[in-house]
């Protein structure tokens, strides 16, 4: 568990700050709506589930659950929101007992890099709708020893 926590801390430190948008127009929260839905797949050595609610009042909220052999490993609460004129994806991690990884007032921030009709990039985290019911997430990781890797989670849209 400490290994997973350490990796996520380094993820937050590896974000980009360059913001790109097709046609040089400022994005709106509606540009991230392609994420809406319930998604299931495999990643991080187990089963992954993610759900995004539709945009409301300039924000989107999501949850993520990681399990292995039917045992809960961790969860996340996620928000896409605009802060100081720039979008960002913010998240908090939780252990199976619902205790937080980050301190009470802290959260991990992935700054917005780019968005297009089927892809959003937030720092080291990207979401791509590769088919109407297939979502690919790539998370670029940096370990404490400086090595880098990319974790890919291929999700399929599921019905609730």
Protein backbone atom coordinates (compact mmCIF):
# COMPACT_ATOMS: atom_id res chain seq x y z
CA UNK A 1 0.00 0.00 0.00
CA UNK A 2 2.86 2.41 0.81
CA UNK A 3 4.25 1.77 -2.69
CA UNK A 4 0.95 2.81 -4.31
CA UNK A 5 0.75 5.95 -2.16
CA UNK A 6 4.35 6.90 -3.02
CA UNK A 7 3.65 6.50 -6.74
CA UNK A 8 0.62 8.79 -6.59
CA UNK A 9 2.62 11.50 -4.83
CA UNK A 10 5.15 11.43 -7.65
CA UNK A 11 2.36 11.51 -10.23
CA UNK A 12 1.16 14.81 -8.84
CA UNK A 13 4.66 16.23 -9.15
CA UNK A 14 5.03 15.23 -12.79
CA UNK A 15 2.18 17.34 -14.22
CA UNK A 16 2.49 19.74 -17.10
CA UNK A 17 1.34 23.34 -17.14
CA UNK A 18 1.06 23.94 -20.89
CA UNK A 19 -2.60 24.33 -21.84
CA UNK A 20 -3.75 23.51 -25.35
CA UNK A 21 -7.19 23.60 -26.92
CA UNK A 22 -8.29 22.99 -30.46
CA UNK A 23 -9.10 26.24 -32.29
CA UNK A 24 -7.63 28.27 -29.38
CA UNK A 25 -11.03 28.51 -27.70
CA UNK A 26 -11.41 28.32 -23.97
CA UNK A 27 -12.87 24.99 -22.88
CA UNK A 28 -16.04 24.64 -20.84
CA UNK A 29 -16.98 21.88 -18.45
CA UNK A 30 -19.20 20.45 -21.22
CA UNK A 31 -16.03 19.56 -23.15
CA UNK A 32 -15.32 16.88 -20.53
CA UNK A 33 -18.84 15.38 -20.69
CA UNK A 34 -17.64 12.46 -22.85
CA UNK A 35 -16.37 10.92 -19.57
CA UNK A 36 -19.92 10.60 -18.23
CA UNK A 37 -20.85 7.02 -17.42
CA UNK A 38 -19.95 3.90 -15.51
CA UNK A 39 -16.74 2.22 -16.67
CA UNK A 40 -15.16 -1.16 -15.76
CA UNK A 41 -11.75 -2.53 -16.67
CA UNK A 42 -8.48 -3.87 -15.37
CA UNK A 43 -5.41 -2.02 -14.19
CA UNK A 44 -2.97 -1.72 -11.30
CA UNK A 45 -3.00 -5.51 -10.99
CA UNK A 46 -6.72 -5.83 -10.37
CA UNK A 47 -10.21 -4.69 -11.25
CA UNK A 48 -10.88 -0.99 -11.80
CA UNK A 49 -14.21 0.83 -11.84
CA UNK A 50 -14.82 4.51 -12.51
CA UNK A 51 -17.99 6.55 -12.69
CA UNK A 52 -18.41 10.14 -13.85
CA UNK A 53 -21.61 12.12 -13.33
CA UNK A 54 -22.73 14.65 -15.98
CA UNK A 55 -21.51 18.25 -15.69
CA UNK A 56 -23.56 20.46 -13.36
CA UNK A 57 -22.89 24.06 -12.32
CA UNK A 58 -19.44 24.08 -13.93
CA UNK A 59 -18.17 20.91 -12.27
CA UNK A 60 -18.00 17.15 -12.84
CA UNK A 61 -17.68 14.58 -10.08
CA UNK A 62 -16.45 11.02 -10.25
CA UNK A 63 -15.47 8.05 -8.14
CA UNK A 64 -12.88 5.33 -8.70
CA UNK A 65 -12.61 1.93 -7.05
CA UNK A 66 -9.64 -0.44 -7.21
CA UNK A 67 -10.02 -4.04 -6.04
CA UNK A 68 -8.18 -7.32 -6.38
CA UNK A 69 -9.65 -10.78 -5.82
CA UNK A 70 -12.88 -9.10 -4.60
CA UNK A 71 -10.92 -7.19 -1.93
CA UNK A 72 -11.10 -3.39 -1.92
CA UNK A 73 -7.64 -1.83 -2.32
CA UNK A 74 -8.46 1.90 -2.47
CA UNK A 75 -11.01 4.43 -3.73
CA UNK A 76 -10.84 8.00 -5.04
CA UNK A 77 -13.23 10.91 -5.11
CA UNK A 78 -12.59 13.11 -8.18
CA UNK A 79 -13.64 16.56 -9.36
CA UNK A 80 -13.06 18.44 -12.60
CA UNK A 81 -13.44 22.11 -11.87
CA UNK A 82 -12.16 25.51 -12.91
CA UNK A 83 -9.75 27.21 -10.51
CA UNK A 84 -8.34 30.66 -11.25
CA UNK A 85 -9.48 30.42 -14.88
CA UNK A 86 -7.94 26.99 -15.56
CA UNK A 87 -9.50 23.55 -15.37
CA UNK A 88 -7.97 20.89 -13.17
CA UNK A 89 -8.76 17.42 -12.01
CA UNK A 90 -8.56 17.14 -8.24
CA UNK A 91 -8.78 13.90 -6.31
CA UNK A 92 -8.51 12.39 -2.87
CA UNK A 93 -7.53 8.77 -2.15
CA UNK A 94 -9.11 6.61 0.54
CA UNK A 95 -8.11 3.32 2.16
CA UNK A 96 -10.69 0.52 2.47
CA UNK A 97 -11.61 1.84 5.94
CA UNK A 98 -12.36 5.28 4.35
CA UNK A 99 -9.34 6.94 5.98
CA UNK A 100 -7.71 9.40 3.61
CA UNK A 101 -4.24 9.19 2.11
CA UNK A 102 -3.90 12.96 1.84
CA UNK A 103 -4.19 15.28 4.82
CA UNK A 104 -7.67 16.67 5.52
CA UNK A 105 -7.23 19.89 3.50
CA UNK A 106 -4.98 18.38 0.80
CA UNK A 107 -5.73 16.70 -2.51
CA UNK A 108 -3.83 15.68 -5.63
CA UNK A 109 -4.07 18.16 -8.50
CA UNK A 110 -3.68 17.27 -12.18
CA UNK A 111 -3.56 20.53 -14.16
CA UNK A 112 -5.45 20.70 -17.43
CA UNK A 113 -3.22 20.36 -20.49
CA UNK A 114 -5.62 19.80 -23.40
CA UNK A 115 -9.09 18.71 -24.35
CA UNK A 116 -10.64 17.65 -27.65
CA UNK A 117 -13.97 15.98 -28.45
CA UNK A 118 -12.76 12.54 -27.28
CA UNK A 119 -9.65 13.19 -25.20
CA UNK A 120 -8.71 15.11 -22.07
CA UNK A 121 -5.23 15.41 -20.63
CA UNK A 122 -4.58 16.54 -17.06
CA UNK A 123 -0.86 16.54 -16.27
CA UNK A 124 0.29 12.92 -16.16
CA UNK A 125 -3.26 11.58 -16.56
CA UNK A 126 -5.12 11.25 -19.85
CA UNK A 127 -8.58 10.00 -20.78
CA UNK A 128 -9.41 8.97 -24.34
CA UNK A 129 -12.75 7.74 -25.66
CA UNK A 130 -11.39 5.34 -28.30
CA UNK A 131 -14.87 4.02 -29.21
CA UNK A 132 -18.31 5.10 -27.96
CA UNK A 133 -18.16 2.47 -25.18
CA UNK A 134 -14.35 2.16 -24.74
CA UNK A 135 -12.38 4.55 -22.54
CA UNK A 136 -8.60 4.38 -22.20
CA UNK A 137 -6.85 5.97 -19.25
CA UNK A 138 -3.08 6.44 -19.23
CA UNK A 139 -1.29 7.42 -16.05
CA UNK A 140 2.39 8.29 -16.33
CA UNK A 141 4.18 7.26 -13.15
CA UNK A 142 7.51 8.28 -11.67
CA UNK A 143 8.97 6.19 -8.87
CA UNK A 144 11.15 7.55 -6.06
CA UNK A 145 14.22 6.07 -7.82
CA UNK A 146 13.47 8.16 -10.93
CA UNK A 147 12.19 5.32 -13.15
CA UNK A 148 9.11 6.04 -15.21
CA UNK A 149 6.31 3.87 -16.49
CA UNK A 150 2.79 4.23 -17.85
CA UNK A 151 -0.18 2.40 -16.40
CA UNK A 152 -2.96 1.85 -18.95
CA UNK A 153 -6.52 1.01 -17.95
CA UNK A 154 -8.89 0.03 -20.74
CA UNK A 155 -12.48 0.54 -19.62
CA UNK A 156 -15.75 -0.63 -21.13
CA UNK A 157 -18.94 1.33 -20.52
CA UNK A 158 -21.33 -0.65 -18.35
CA UNK A 159 -24.97 -0.22 -17.46
CA UNK A 160 -25.89 0.34 -13.85
